[in-house]
């Protein structure tokens, strides 16, 4: 299914601050913010339709939505300054940790828990 996914540029103009926050939260959970009111999302056709449906439930007829599908060639030619890179790359779907990395993560989590206990955030 990930082979069907492609980058989509989603831009919106929402006039009401309350609706704007709802739209922003939906898109923040789906993609990465590129600029104000512009997100990049890696979605297949079904996920894109589901996103449009979710946004249509929140947005008003006076609000605007633009979804641009980017083919792999177009995505590789995107010029970005001071932020998002990797338009041509497919995002990693799995992370593999070695036993040493697992131990390091566990140790750092234990240190963070101990520090929060010292500050009083976690009760014993």
PDB file of N, CA and C in Angstrom:
ATOM      1  N   UNK A   1       0.819  -1.199   0.000  1.00  0.00           N
ATOM      2  CA  UNK A   1       0.000   0.000   0.000  1.00  0.00           C
ATOM      3  C   UNK A   1       0.857   1.254   0.000  1.00  0.00           C
ATOM      4  N   UNK A   2       2.052   1.209   0.623  1.00  0.00           N
ATOM      5  CA  UNK A   2       2.882   2.410   0.667  1.00  0.00           C
ATOM      6  C   UNK A   2       3.402   2.783  -0.714  1.00  0.00           C
ATOM      7  N   UNK A   3       3.389   1.830  -1.660  1.00  0.00           N
ATOM      8  CA  UNK A   3       3.834   2.132  -3.008  1.00  0.00           C
ATOM      9  C   UNK A   3       2.886   3.120  -3.683  1.00  0.00           C
ATOM     10  N   UNK A   4       1.625   3.128  -3.272  1.00  0.00           N
ATOM     11  CA  UNK A   4       0.629   4.030  -3.848  1.00  0.00           C
ATOM     12  C   UNK A   4       0.743   5.441  -3.291  1.00  0.00           C
ATOM     13  N   UNK A   5       1.453   5.599  -2.206  1.00  0.00           N
ATOM     14  CA  UNK A   5       1.497   6.897  -1.539  1.00  0.00           C
ATOM     15  C   UNK A   5       2.334   7.882  -2.331  1.00  0.00           C
ATOM     16  N   UNK A   6       1.881   9.120  -2.302  1.00  0.00           N
ATOM     17  CA  UNK A   6       2.654  10.193  -2.930  1.00  0.00           C
ATOM     18  C   UNK A   6       2.507  11.447  -2.091  1.00  0.00           C
ATOM     19  N   UNK A   7       3.410  12.369  -2.312  1.00  0.00           N
ATOM     20  CA  UNK A   7       3.365  13.620  -1.575  1.00  0.00           C
ATOM     21  C   UNK A   7       2.189  14.447  -2.073  1.00  0.00           C
ATOM     22  N   UNK A   8       1.520  15.068  -1.131  1.00  0.00           N
ATOM     23  CA  UNK A   8       0.422  15.979  -1.449  1.00  0.00           C
ATOM     24  C   UNK A   8       0.642  17.262  -0.656  1.00  0.00           C
ATOM     25  N   UNK A   9       0.478  18.352  -1.320  1.00  0.00           N
ATOM     26  CA  UNK A   9       0.603  19.655  -0.701  1.00  0.00           C
ATOM     27  C   UNK A   9      -0.807  20.128  -0.366  1.00  0.00           C
ATOM     28  N   UNK A  10      -1.058  20.419   0.901  1.00  0.00           N
ATOM     29  CA  UNK A  10      -2.396  20.811   1.353  1.00  0.00           C
ATOM     30  C   UNK A  10      -2.316  22.241   1.881  1.00  0.00           C
ATOM     31  N   UNK A  11      -3.072  23.123   1.257  1.00  0.00           N
ATOM     32  CA  UNK A  11      -3.121  24.529   1.678  1.00  0.00           C
ATOM     33  C   UNK A  11      -4.570  24.872   2.009  1.00  0.00           C
ATOM     34  N   UNK A  12      -4.740  25.727   3.010  1.00  0.00           N
ATOM     35  CA  UNK A  12      -6.101  26.075   3.416  1.00  0.00           C
ATOM     36  C   UNK A  12      -6.155  27.524   3.869  1.00  0.00           C
ATOM     37  N   UNK A  13      -7.357  28.074   3.766  1.00  0.00           N
ATOM     38  CA  UNK A  13      -7.634  29.431   4.230  1.00  0.00           C
ATOM     39  C   UNK A  13      -8.947  29.359   4.997  1.00  0.00           C
ATOM     40  N   UNK A  14      -8.853  29.429   6.315  1.00  0.00           N
ATOM     41  CA  UNK A  14     -10.028  29.313   7.178  1.00  0.00           C
ATOM     42  C   UNK A  14     -10.224  30.657   7.868  1.00  0.00           C
ATOM     43  N   UNK A  15     -11.411  31.177   7.794  1.00  0.00           N
ATOM     44  CA  UNK A  15     -11.670  32.535   8.279  1.00  0.00           C
ATOM     45  C   UNK A  15     -11.937  32.634   9.773  1.00  0.00           C
ATOM     46  N   UNK A  16     -12.466  31.586  10.365  1.00  0.00           N
ATOM     47  CA  UNK A  16     -12.811  31.607  11.786  1.00  0.00           C
ATOM     48  C   UNK A  16     -11.691  30.948  12.590  1.00  0.00           C
ATOM     49  N   UNK A  17     -11.178  31.623  13.634  1.00  0.00           N
ATOM     50  CA  UNK A  17     -10.075  31.051  14.422  1.00  0.00           C
ATOM     51  C   UNK A  17     -10.404  29.692  15.045  1.00  0.00           C
ATOM     52  N   UNK A  18     -11.639  29.494  15.435  1.00  0.00           N
ATOM     53  CA  UNK A  18     -12.032  28.220  16.047  1.00  0.00           C
ATOM     54  C   UNK A  18     -11.937  27.083  15.018  1.00  0.00           C
ATOM     55  N   UNK A  19     -12.470  27.325  13.818  1.00  0.00           N
ATOM     56  CA  UNK A  19     -12.377  26.322  12.756  1.00  0.00           C
ATOM     57  C   UNK A  19     -10.934  26.147  12.312  1.00  0.00           C
ATOM     58  N   UNK A  20     -10.170  27.232  12.290  1.00  0.00           N
ATOM     59  CA  UNK A  20      -8.753  27.170  11.894  1.00  0.00           C
ATOM     60  C   UNK A  20      -7.998  26.201  12.804  1.00  0.00           C
ATOM     61  N   UNK A  21      -8.219  26.294  14.105  1.00  0.00           N
ATOM     62  CA  UNK A  21      -7.531  25.398  15.042  1.00  0.00           C
ATOM     63  C   UNK A  21      -7.912  23.945  14.807  1.00  0.00           C
ATOM     64  N   UNK A  22      -9.182  23.695  14.508  1.00  0.00           N
ATOM     65  CA  UNK A  22      -9.618  22.327  14.246  1.00  0.00           C
ATOM     66  C   UNK A  22      -8.969  21.775  12.975  1.00  0.00           C
ATOM     67  N   UNK A  23      -8.932  22.579  11.931  1.00  0.00           N
ATOM     68  CA  UNK A  23      -8.295  22.160  10.678  1.00  0.00           C
ATOM     69  C   UNK A  23      -6.806  21.922  10.902  1.00  0.00           C
ATOM     70  N   UNK A  24      -6.158  22.826  11.624  1.00  0.00           N
ATOM     71  CA  UNK A  24      -4.735  22.683  11.909  1.00  0.00           C
ATOM     72  C   UNK A  24      -4.447  21.376  12.651  1.00  0.00           C
ATOM     73  N   UNK A  25      -5.282  21.041  13.636  1.00  0.00           N
ATOM     74  CA  UNK A  25      -5.077  19.808  14.407  1.00  0.00           C
ATOM     75  C   UNK A  25      -5.233  18.572  13.526  1.00  0.00           C
ATOM     76  N   UNK A  26      -6.198  18.581  12.639  1.00  0.00           N
ATOM     77  CA  UNK A  26      -6.385  17.439  11.738  1.00  0.00           C
ATOM     78  C   UNK A  26      -5.158  17.266  10.851  1.00  0.00           C
ATOM     79  N   UNK A  27      -4.684  18.365  10.276  1.00  0.00           N
ATOM     80  CA  UNK A  27      -3.536  18.280   9.374  1.00  0.00           C
ATOM     81  C   UNK A  27      -2.237  17.998  10.114  1.00  0.00           C
ATOM     82  N   UNK A  28      -2.098  18.497  11.323  1.00  0.00           N
ATOM     83  CA  UNK A  28      -0.892  18.220  12.109  1.00  0.00           C
ATOM     84  C   UNK A  28      -0.769  16.731  12.384  1.00  0.00           C
ATOM     85  N   UNK A  29      -1.888  16.055  12.533  1.00  0.00           N
ATOM     86  CA  UNK A  29      -1.869  14.619  12.747  1.00  0.00           C
ATOM     87  C   UNK A  29      -1.659  13.825  11.470  1.00  0.00           C
ATOM     88  N   UNK A  30      -1.734  14.484  10.332  1.00  0.00           N
ATOM     89  CA  UNK A  30      -1.623  13.803   9.044  1.00  0.00           C
ATOM     90  C   UNK A  30      -0.308  14.077   8.331  1.00  0.00           C
ATOM     91  N   UNK A  31       0.224  15.289   8.481  1.00  0.00           N
ATOM     92  CA  UNK A  31       1.422  15.657   7.730  1.00  0.00           C
ATOM     93  C   UNK A  31       2.346  16.557   8.511  1.00  0.00           C
ATOM     94  N   UNK A  32       3.219  17.236   7.779  1.00  0.00           N
ATOM     95  CA  UNK A  32       4.208  18.133   8.369  1.00  0.00           C
ATOM     96  C   UNK A  32       3.957  19.556   7.882  1.00  0.00           C
ATOM     97  N   UNK A  33       4.042  20.497   8.788  1.00  0.00           N
ATOM     98  CA  UNK A  33       3.828  21.897   8.443  1.00  0.00           C
ATOM     99  C   UNK A  33       5.011  22.418   7.630  1.00  0.00           C
ATOM    100  N   UNK A  34       4.720  23.026   6.497  1.00  0.00           N
ATOM    101  CA  UNK A  34       5.748  23.614   5.649  1.00  0.00           C
ATOM    102  C   UNK A  34       5.781  25.118   5.874  1.00  0.00           C
ATOM    103  N   UNK A  35       4.621  25.737   5.884  1.00  0.00           N
ATOM    104  CA  UNK A  35       4.462  27.157   6.176  1.00  0.00           C
ATOM    105  C   UNK A  35       3.116  27.309   6.859  1.00  0.00           C
ATOM    106  N   UNK A  36       2.789  28.544   7.250  1.00  0.00           N
ATOM    107  CA  UNK A  36       1.473  28.760   7.841  1.00  0.00           C
ATOM    108  C   UNK A  36       0.416  28.302   6.849  1.00  0.00           C
ATOM    109  N   UNK A  37      -0.493  27.477   7.294  1.00  0.00           N
ATOM    110  CA  UNK A  37      -1.622  26.993   6.505  1.00  0.00           C
ATOM    111  C   UNK A  37      -1.219  26.145   5.301  1.00  0.00           C
ATOM    112  N   UNK A  38       0.011  25.631   5.286  1.00  0.00           N
ATOM    113  CA  UNK A  38       0.451  24.736   4.214  1.00  0.00           C
ATOM    114  C   UNK A  38       1.133  23.526   4.844  1.00  0.00           C
ATOM    115  N   UNK A  39       0.661  22.352   4.469  1.00  0.00           N
ATOM    116  CA  UNK A  39       1.212  21.099   4.974  1.00  0.00           C
ATOM    117  C   UNK A  39       1.633  20.219   3.820  1.00  0.00           C
ATOM    118  N   UNK A  40       2.594  19.335   4.093  1.00  0.00           N
ATOM    119  CA  UNK A  40       2.915  18.286   3.133  1.00  0.00           C
ATOM    120  C   UNK A  40       2.539  16.968   3.793  1.00  0.00           C
ATOM    121  N   UNK A  41       1.853  16.136   3.036  1.00  0.00           N
ATOM    122  CA  UNK A  41       1.366  14.859   3.560  1.00  0.00           C
ATOM    123  C   UNK A  41       1.709  13.761   2.559  1.00  0.00           C
ATOM    124  N   UNK A  42       2.122  12.620   3.052  1.00  0.00           N
ATOM    125  CA  UNK A  42       2.372  11.466   2.185  1.00  0.00           C
ATOM    126  C   UNK A  42       1.191  10.521   2.353  1.00  0.00           C
ATOM    127  N   UNK A  43       0.298  10.517   1.342  1.00  0.00           N
ATOM    128  CA  UNK A  43      -0.968   9.800   1.426  1.00  0.00           C
ATOM    129  C   UNK A  43      -1.240   9.028   0.145  1.00  0.00           C
ATOM    130  N   UNK A  44      -1.984   7.942   0.278  1.00  0.00           N
ATOM    131  CA  UNK A  44      -2.500   7.279  -0.915  1.00  0.00           C
ATOM    132  C   UNK A  44      -3.857   7.912  -1.230  1.00  0.00           C
ATOM    133  N   UNK A  45      -4.500   7.470  -2.304  1.00  0.00           N
ATOM    134  CA  UNK A  45      -5.764   8.093  -2.724  1.00  0.00           C
ATOM    135  C   UNK A  45      -6.861   7.952  -1.671  1.00  0.00           C
ATOM    136  N   UNK A  46      -6.927   6.801  -1.036  1.00  0.00           N
ATOM    137  CA  UNK A  46      -7.964   6.586  -0.026  1.00  0.00           C
ATOM    138  C   UNK A  46      -7.753   7.493   1.184  1.00  0.00           C
ATOM    139  N   UNK A  47      -6.511   7.608   1.652  1.00  0.00           N
ATOM    140  CA  UNK A  47      -6.220   8.484   2.793  1.00  0.00           C
ATOM    141  C   UNK A  47      -6.487   9.942   2.446  1.00  0.00           C
ATOM    142  N   UNK A  48      -6.208  10.329   1.200  1.00  0.00           N
ATOM    143  CA  UNK A  48      -6.470  11.711   0.772  1.00  0.00           C
ATOM    144  C   UNK A  48      -7.969  12.009   0.785  1.00  0.00           C
ATOM    145  N   UNK A  49      -8.768  11.056   0.309  1.00  0.00           N
ATOM    146  CA  UNK A  49     -10.220  11.246   0.338  1.00  0.00           C
ATOM    147  C   UNK A  49     -10.744  11.310   1.767  1.00  0.00           C
ATOM    148  N   UNK A  50     -10.188  10.471   2.636  1.00  0.00           N
ATOM    149  CA  UNK A  50     -10.599  10.495   4.047  1.00  0.00           C
ATOM    150  C   UNK A  50     -10.241  11.841   4.675  1.00  0.00           C
ATOM    151  N   UNK A  51      -9.064  12.372   4.357  1.00  0.00           N
ATOM    152  CA  UNK A  51      -8.650  13.677   4.870  1.00  0.00           C
ATOM    153  C   UNK A  51      -9.600  14.767   4.374  1.00  0.00           C
ATOM    154  N   UNK A  52      -9.923  14.756   3.092  1.00  0.00           N
ATOM    155  CA  UNK A  52     -10.842  15.758   2.541  1.00  0.00           C
ATOM    156  C   UNK A  52     -12.212  15.667   3.208  1.00  0.00           C
ATOM    157  N   UNK A  53     -12.672  14.442   3.486  1.00  0.00           N
ATOM    158  CA  UNK A  53     -13.950  14.244   4.149  1.00  0.00           C
ATOM    159  C   UNK A  53     -13.920  14.803   5.568  1.00  0.00           C
ATOM    160  N   UNK A  54     -12.834  14.506   6.310  1.00  0.00           N
ATOM    161  CA  UNK A  54     -12.705  15.013   7.682  1.00  0.00           C
ATOM    162  C   UNK A  54     -12.669  16.547   7.698  1.00  0.00           C
ATOM    163  N   UNK A  55     -11.946  17.138   6.750  1.00  0.00           N
ATOM    164  CA  UNK A  55     -11.857  18.595   6.690  1.00  0.00           C
ATOM    165  C   UNK A  55     -13.184  19.216   6.277  1.00  0.00           C
ATOM    166  N   UNK A  56     -13.914  18.568   5.383  1.00  0.00           N
ATOM    167  CA  UNK A  56     -15.212  19.093   4.940  1.00  0.00           C
ATOM    168  C   UNK A  56     -16.202  19.165   6.092  1.00  0.00           C
ATOM    169  N   UNK A  57     -16.092  18.245   7.045  1.00  0.00           N
ATOM    170  CA  UNK A  57     -16.986  18.269   8.204  1.00  0.00           C
ATOM    171  C   UNK A  57     -16.712  19.477   9.098  1.00  0.00           C
ATOM    172  N   UNK A  58     -15.481  19.985   9.093  1.00  0.00           N
ATOM    173  CA  UNK A  58     -15.084  21.082   9.977  1.00  0.00           C
ATOM    174  C   UNK A  58     -15.185  22.437   9.273  1.00  0.00           C
ATOM    175  N   UNK A  59     -14.849  22.469   7.997  1.00  0.00           N
ATOM    176  CA  UNK A  59     -14.757  23.735   7.271  1.00  0.00           C
ATOM    177  C   UNK A  59     -16.127  24.248   6.852  1.00  0.00           C
ATOM    178  N   UNK A  60     -16.212  25.548   6.698  1.00  0.00           N
ATOM    179  CA  UNK A  60     -17.409  26.253   6.267  1.00  0.00           C
ATOM    180  C   UNK A  60     -17.308  26.478   4.749  1.00  0.00           C
ATOM    181  N   UNK A  61     -18.429  26.700   4.057  1.00  0.00           N
ATOM    182  CA  UNK A  61     -18.353  26.963   2.611  1.00  0.00           C
ATOM    183  C   UNK A  61     -17.502  28.178   2.230  1.00  0.00           C
ATOM    184  N   UNK A  62     -17.333  29.146   3.132  1.00  0.00           N
ATOM    185  CA  UNK A  62     -16.498  30.308   2.802  1.00  0.00           C
ATOM    186  C   UNK A  62     -15.002  29.998   2.929  1.00  0.00           C
ATOM    187  N   UNK A  63     -14.653  28.895   3.613  1.00  0.00           N
ATOM    188  CA  UNK A  63     -13.251  28.500   3.767  1.00  0.00           C
ATOM    189  C   UNK A  63     -12.769  27.853   2.473  1.00  0.00           C
ATOM    190  N   UNK A  64     -11.447  27.854   2.294  1.00  0.00           N
ATOM    191  CA  UNK A  64     -10.881  27.304   1.067  1.00  0.00           C
ATOM    192  C   UNK A  64      -9.884  26.198   1.380  1.00  0.00           C
ATOM    193  N   UNK A  65      -9.834  25.201   0.496  1.00  0.00           N
ATOM    194  CA  UNK A  65      -8.918  24.080   0.632  1.00  0.00           C
ATOM    195  C   UNK A  65      -8.327  23.769  -0.732  1.00  0.00           C
ATOM    196  N   UNK A  66      -7.019  23.543  -0.772  1.00  0.00           N
ATOM    197  CA  UNK A  66      -6.326  23.186  -2.000  1.00  0.00           C
ATOM    198  C   UNK A  66      -5.442  21.980  -1.708  1.00  0.00           C
ATOM    199  N   UNK A  67      -5.653  20.892  -2.467  1.00  0.00           N
ATOM    200  CA  UNK A  67      -4.833  19.686  -2.329  1.00  0.00           C
ATOM    201  C   UNK A  67      -4.169  19.451  -3.672  1.00  0.00           C
ATOM    202  N   UNK A  68      -2.830  19.466  -3.679  1.00  0.00           N
ATOM    203  CA  UNK A  68      -2.062  19.295  -4.912  1.00  0.00           C
ATOM    204  C   UNK A  68      -1.287  17.983  -4.826  1.00  0.00           C
ATOM    205  N   UNK A  69      -1.547  17.068  -5.769  1.00  0.00           N
ATOM    206  CA  UNK A  69      -0.794  15.819  -5.844  1.00  0.00           C
ATOM    207  C   UNK A  69       0.530  16.097  -6.549  1.00  0.00           C
ATOM    208  N   UNK A  70       1.606  15.588  -5.971  1.00  0.00           N
ATOM    209  CA  UNK A  70       2.922  15.757  -6.582  1.00  0.00           C
ATOM    210  C   UNK A  70       3.445  14.407  -7.064  1.00  0.00           C
ATOM    211  N   UNK A  71       3.745  14.314  -8.351  1.00  0.00           N
ATOM    212  CA  UNK A  71       4.346  13.091  -8.872  1.00  0.00           C
ATOM    213  C   UNK A  71       5.780  13.009  -8.333  1.00  0.00           C
ATOM    214  N   UNK A  72       6.406  11.837  -8.361  1.00  0.00           N
ATOM    215  CA  UNK A  72       7.774  11.721  -7.833  1.00  0.00           C
ATOM    216  C   UNK A  72       8.760  12.697  -8.477  1.00  0.00           C
ATOM    217  N   UNK A  73       8.622  12.944  -9.770  1.00  0.00           N
ATOM    218  CA  UNK A  73       9.510  13.888 -10.447  1.00  0.00           C
ATOM    219  C   UNK A  73       9.328  15.311  -9.948  1.00  0.00           C
ATOM    220  N   UNK A  74       8.072  15.709  -9.756  1.00  0.00           N
ATOM    221  CA  UNK A  74       7.791  17.059  -9.245  1.00  0.00           C
ATOM    222  C   UNK A  74       8.239  17.191  -7.798  1.00  0.00           C
ATOM    223  N   UNK A  75       8.012  16.154  -7.004  1.00  0.00           N
ATOM    224  CA  UNK A  75       8.398  16.199  -5.594  1.00  0.00           C
ATOM    225  C   UNK A  75       9.904  16.316  -5.447  1.00  0.00           C
ATOM    226  N   UNK A  76      10.654  15.694  -6.351  1.00  0.00           N
ATOM    227  CA  UNK A  76      12.118  15.774  -6.258  1.00  0.00           C
ATOM    228  C   UNK A  76      12.651  17.145  -6.640  1.00  0.00           C
ATOM    229  N   UNK A  77      11.832  17.957  -7.304  1.00  0.00           N
ATOM    230  CA  UNK A  77      12.262  19.294  -7.734  1.00  0.00           C
ATOM    231  C   UNK A  77      11.806  20.408  -6.795  1.00  0.00           C
ATOM    232  N   UNK A  78      11.179  20.046  -5.682  1.00  0.00           N
ATOM    233  CA  UNK A  78      10.720  21.053  -4.726  1.00  0.00           C
ATOM    234  C   UNK A  78      11.934  21.760  -4.126  1.00  0.00           C
ATOM    235  N   UNK A  79      11.871  23.064  -4.097  1.00  0.00           N
ATOM    236  CA  UNK A  79      12.941  23.872  -3.508  1.00  0.00           C
ATOM    237  C   UNK A  79      12.452  24.351  -2.151  1.00  0.00           C
ATOM    238  N   UNK A  80      13.214  24.048  -1.126  1.00  0.00           N
ATOM    239  CA  UNK A  80      12.830  24.394   0.228  1.00  0.00           C
ATOM    240  C   UNK A  80      13.998  25.088   0.904  1.00  0.00           C
ATOM    241  N   UNK A  81      13.701  26.113   1.638  1.00  0.00           N
ATOM    242  CA  UNK A  81      14.756  26.839   2.332  1.00  0.00           C
ATOM    243  C   UNK A  81      14.456  26.865   3.824  1.00  0.00           C
ATOM    244  N   UNK A  82      15.432  26.509   4.629  1.00  0.00           N
ATOM    245  CA  UNK A  82      15.372  26.578   6.095  1.00  0.00           C
ATOM    246  C   UNK A  82      14.389  25.627   6.753  1.00  0.00           C
ATOM    247  N   UNK A  83      13.942  24.608   6.043  1.00  0.00           N
ATOM    248  CA  UNK A  83      13.110  23.619   6.722  1.00  0.00           C
ATOM    249  C   UNK A  83      13.011  22.338   5.928  1.00  0.00           C
ATOM    250  N   UNK A  84      11.851  21.826   5.698  1.00  0.00           N
ATOM    251  CA  UNK A  84      11.562  20.480   5.237  1.00  0.00           C
ATOM    252  C   UNK A  84      12.425  20.028   4.055  1.00  0.00           C
ATOM    253  N   UNK A  85      13.122  18.917   4.253  1.00  0.00           N
ATOM    254  CA  UNK A  85      13.906  18.283   3.199  1.00  0.00           C
ATOM    255  C   UNK A  85      13.333  16.899   2.951  1.00  0.00           C
ATOM    256  N   UNK A  86      13.791  16.253   1.924  1.00  0.00           N
ATOM    257  CA  UNK A  86      13.429  14.868   1.689  1.00  0.00           C
ATOM    258  C   UNK A  86      12.135  14.659   0.938  1.00  0.00           C
ATOM    259  N   UNK A  87      11.777  15.551   0.045  1.00  0.00           N
ATOM    260  CA  UNK A  87      10.554  15.378  -0.726  1.00  0.00           C
ATOM    261  C   UNK A  87      10.677  14.181  -1.665  1.00  0.00           C
ATOM    262  N   UNK A  88      11.889  13.907  -2.130  1.00  0.00           N
ATOM    263  CA  UNK A  88      12.078  12.801  -3.068  1.00  0.00           C
ATOM    264  C   UNK A  88      12.207  11.467  -2.344  1.00  0.00           C
ATOM    265  N   UNK A  89      12.510  11.498  -1.056  1.00  0.00           N
ATOM    266  CA  UNK A  89      12.716  10.279  -0.294  1.00  0.00           C
ATOM    267  C   UNK A  89      11.409   9.770   0.282  1.00  0.00           C
ATOM    268  N   UNK A  90      11.298   8.445   0.340  1.00  0.00           N
ATOM    269  CA  UNK A  90      10.145   7.840   1.005  1.00  0.00           C
ATOM    270  C   UNK A  90      10.467   7.747   2.484  1.00  0.00           C
ATOM    271  N   UNK A  91       9.584   8.216   3.366  1.00  0.00           N
ATOM    272  CA  UNK A  91       9.863   8.167   4.802  1.00  0.00           C
ATOM    273  C   UNK A  91      10.035   6.739   5.296  1.00  0.00           C
ATOM    274  N   UNK A  92      10.864   6.579   6.307  1.00  0.00           N
ATOM    275  CA  UNK A  92      11.085   5.260   6.902  1.00  0.00           C
ATOM    276  C   UNK A  92       9.818   4.791   7.601  1.00  0.00           C
ATOM    277  N   UNK A  93       9.502   3.524   7.441  1.00  0.00           N
ATOM    278  CA  UNK A  93       8.305   2.990   8.080  1.00  0.00           C
ATOM    279  C   UNK A  93       8.628   2.199   9.336  1.00  0.00           C
ATOM    280  N   UNK A  94       9.872   1.724   9.456  1.00  0.00           N
ATOM    281  CA  UNK A  94      10.274   0.932  10.607  1.00  0.00           C
ATOM    282  C   UNK A  94      11.639   1.391  11.092  1.00  0.00           C
ATOM    283  N   UNK A  95      11.846   1.342  12.370  1.00  0.00           N
ATOM    284  CA  UNK A  95      13.146   1.617  12.960  1.00  0.00           C
ATOM    285  C   UNK A  95      13.646   0.332  13.608  1.00  0.00           C
ATOM    286  N   UNK A  96      14.904   0.002  13.372  1.00  0.00           N
ATOM    287  CA  UNK A  96      15.490  -1.200  13.949  1.00  0.00           C
ATOM    288  C   UNK A  96      16.561  -0.768  14.930  1.00  0.00           C
ATOM    289  N   UNK A  97      16.449  -1.246  16.175  1.00  0.00           N
ATOM    290  CA  UNK A  97      17.395  -0.908  17.219  1.00  0.00           C
ATOM    291  C   UNK A  97      18.250  -2.120  17.543  1.00  0.00           C
ATOM    292  N   UNK A  98      19.515  -1.859  17.817  1.00  0.00           N
ATOM    293  CA  UNK A  98      20.386  -2.926  18.290  1.00  0.00           C
ATOM    294  C   UNK A  98      20.221  -3.036  19.806  1.00  0.00           C
ATOM    295  N   UNK A  99      20.687  -4.144  20.415  1.00  0.00           N
ATOM    296  CA  UNK A  99      20.566  -4.277  21.878  1.00  0.00           C
ATOM    297  C   UNK A  99      21.228  -3.119  22.626  1.00  0.00           C
ATOM    298  N   UNK A 100      22.352  -2.610  22.120  1.00  0.00           N
ATOM    299  CA  UNK A 100      23.012  -1.479  22.776  1.00  0.00           C
ATOM    300  C   UNK A 100      22.121  -0.240  22.746  1.00  0.00           C
ATOM    301  N   UNK A 101      21.448   0.005  21.620  1.00  0.00           N
ATOM    302  CA  UNK A 101      20.553   1.162  21.525  1.00  0.00           C
ATOM    303  C   UNK A 101      19.370   0.999  22.462  1.00  0.00           C
ATOM    304  N   UNK A 102      18.840  -0.230  22.562  1.00  0.00           N
ATOM    305  CA  UNK A 102      17.733  -0.484  23.485  1.00  0.00           C
ATOM    306  C   UNK A 102      18.134  -0.170  24.924  1.00  0.00           C
ATOM    307  N   UNK A 103      19.343  -0.582  25.311  1.00  0.00           N
ATOM    308  CA  UNK A 103      19.830  -0.321  26.666  1.00  0.00           C
ATOM    309  C   UNK A 103      20.023   1.177  26.889  1.00  0.00           C
ATOM    310  N   UNK A 104      20.551   1.861  25.879  1.00  0.00           N
ATOM    311  CA  UNK A 104      20.761   3.309  26.004  1.00  0.00           C
ATOM    312  C   UNK A 104      19.424   4.033  26.145  1.00  0.00           C
ATOM    313  N   UNK A 105      18.417   3.611  25.368  1.00  0.00           N
ATOM    314  CA  UNK A 105      17.094   4.234  25.476  1.00  0.00           C
ATOM    315  C   UNK A 105      16.479   3.976  26.842  1.00  0.00           C
ATOM    316  N   UNK A 106      16.618   2.752  27.333  1.00  0.00           N
ATOM    317  CA  UNK A 106      16.071   2.422  28.653  1.00  0.00           C
ATOM    318  C   UNK A 106      16.770   3.223  29.739  1.00  0.00           C
ATOM    319  N   UNK A 107      18.088   3.372  29.642  1.00  0.00           N
ATOM    320  CA  UNK A 107      18.840   4.135  30.637  1.00  0.00           C
ATOM    321  C   UNK A 107      18.425   5.604  30.616  1.00  0.00           C
ATOM    322  N   UNK A 108      18.266   6.179  29.423  1.00  0.00           N
ATOM    323  CA  UNK A 108      17.871   7.592  29.343  1.00  0.00           C
ATOM    324  C   UNK A 108      16.456   7.777  29.880  1.00  0.00           C
ATOM    325  N   UNK A 109      15.563   6.803  29.649  1.00  0.00           N
ATOM    326  CA  UNK A 109      14.203   6.893  30.178  1.00  0.00           C
ATOM    327  C   UNK A 109      14.221   6.819  31.698  1.00  0.00           C
ATOM    328  N   UNK A 110      15.072   5.936  32.255  1.00  0.00           N
ATOM    329  CA  UNK A 110      15.185   5.836  33.712  1.00  0.00           C
ATOM    330  C   UNK A 110      15.705   7.134  34.312  1.00  0.00           C
ATOM    331  N   UNK A 111      16.688   7.769  33.651  1.00  0.00           N
ATOM    332  CA  UNK A 111      17.237   9.040  34.137  1.00  0.00           C
ATOM    333  C   UNK A 111      16.168  10.129  34.112  1.00  0.00           C
ATOM    334  N   UNK A 112      15.378  10.147  33.047  1.00  0.00           N
ATOM    335  CA  UNK A 112      14.322  11.161  32.938  1.00  0.00           C
ATOM    336  C   UNK A 112      13.267  10.952  34.022  1.00  0.00           C
ATOM    337  N   UNK A 113      12.905   9.699  34.281  1.00  0.00           N
ATOM    338  CA  UNK A 113      11.924   9.401  35.328  1.00  0.00           C
ATOM    339  C   UNK A 113      12.462   9.807  36.687  1.00  0.00           C
ATOM    340  N   UNK A 114      13.732   9.503  36.948  1.00  0.00           N
ATOM    341  CA  UNK A 114      14.355   9.863  38.216  1.00  0.00           C
ATOM    342  C   UNK A 114      14.370  11.378  38.387  1.00  0.00           C
ATOM    343  N   UNK A 115      14.686  12.106  37.323  1.00  0.00           N
ATOM    344  CA  UNK A 115      14.731  13.567  37.397  1.00  0.00           C
ATOM    345  C   UNK A 115      13.340  14.136  37.671  1.00  0.00           C
ATOM    346  N   UNK A 116      12.308  13.571  37.025  1.00  0.00           N
ATOM    347  CA  UNK A 116      10.948  14.055  37.270  1.00  0.00           C
ATOM    348  C   UNK A 116      10.508  13.757  38.689  1.00  0.00           C
ATOM    349  N   UNK A 117      10.932  12.628  39.234  1.00  0.00           N
ATOM    350  CA  UNK A 117      10.608  12.324  40.627  1.00  0.00           C
ATOM    351  C   UNK A 117      11.259  13.337  41.559  1.00  0.00           C
ATOM    352  N   UNK A 118      12.504  13.708  41.243  1.00  0.00           N
ATOM    353  CA  UNK A 118      13.209  14.677  42.080  1.00  0.00           C
ATOM    354  C   UNK A 118      12.519  16.028  42.027  1.00  0.00           C
ATOM    355  N   UNK A 119      12.011  16.395  40.856  1.00  0.00           N
ATOM    356  CA  UNK A 119      11.327  17.676  40.716  1.00  0.00           C
ATOM    357  C   UNK A 119       9.944  17.623  41.356  1.00  0.00           C
ATOM    358  N   UNK A 120       9.386  16.422  41.483  1.00  0.00           N
ATOM    359  CA  UNK A 120       8.078  16.283  42.115  1.00  0.00           C
ATOM    360  C   UNK A 120       6.942  16.078  41.131  1.00  0.00           C
ATOM    361  N   UNK A 121       7.264  15.842  39.854  1.00  0.00           N
ATOM    362  CA  UNK A 121       6.218  15.632  38.858  1.00  0.00           C
ATOM    363  C   UNK A 121       5.572  14.260  39.013  1.00  0.00           C
ATOM    364  N   UNK A 122       6.357  13.258  39.451  1.00  0.00           N
ATOM    365  CA  UNK A 122       5.843  11.887  39.599  1.00  0.00           C
ATOM    366  C   UNK A 122       5.842  11.530  41.079  1.00  0.00           C
ATOM    367  N   UNK A 123       4.708  11.044  41.537  1.00  0.00           N
ATOM    368  CA  UNK A 123       4.619  10.614  42.939  1.00  0.00           C
ATOM    369  C   UNK A 123       5.083   9.181  43.045  1.00  0.00           C
ATOM    370  N   UNK A 124       5.727   8.883  44.152  1.00  0.00           N
ATOM    371  CA  UNK A 124       6.240   7.519  44.357  1.00  0.00           C
ATOM    372  C   UNK A 124       5.182   6.595  44.825  1.00  0.00           C
TER     373      UNK A 124
END
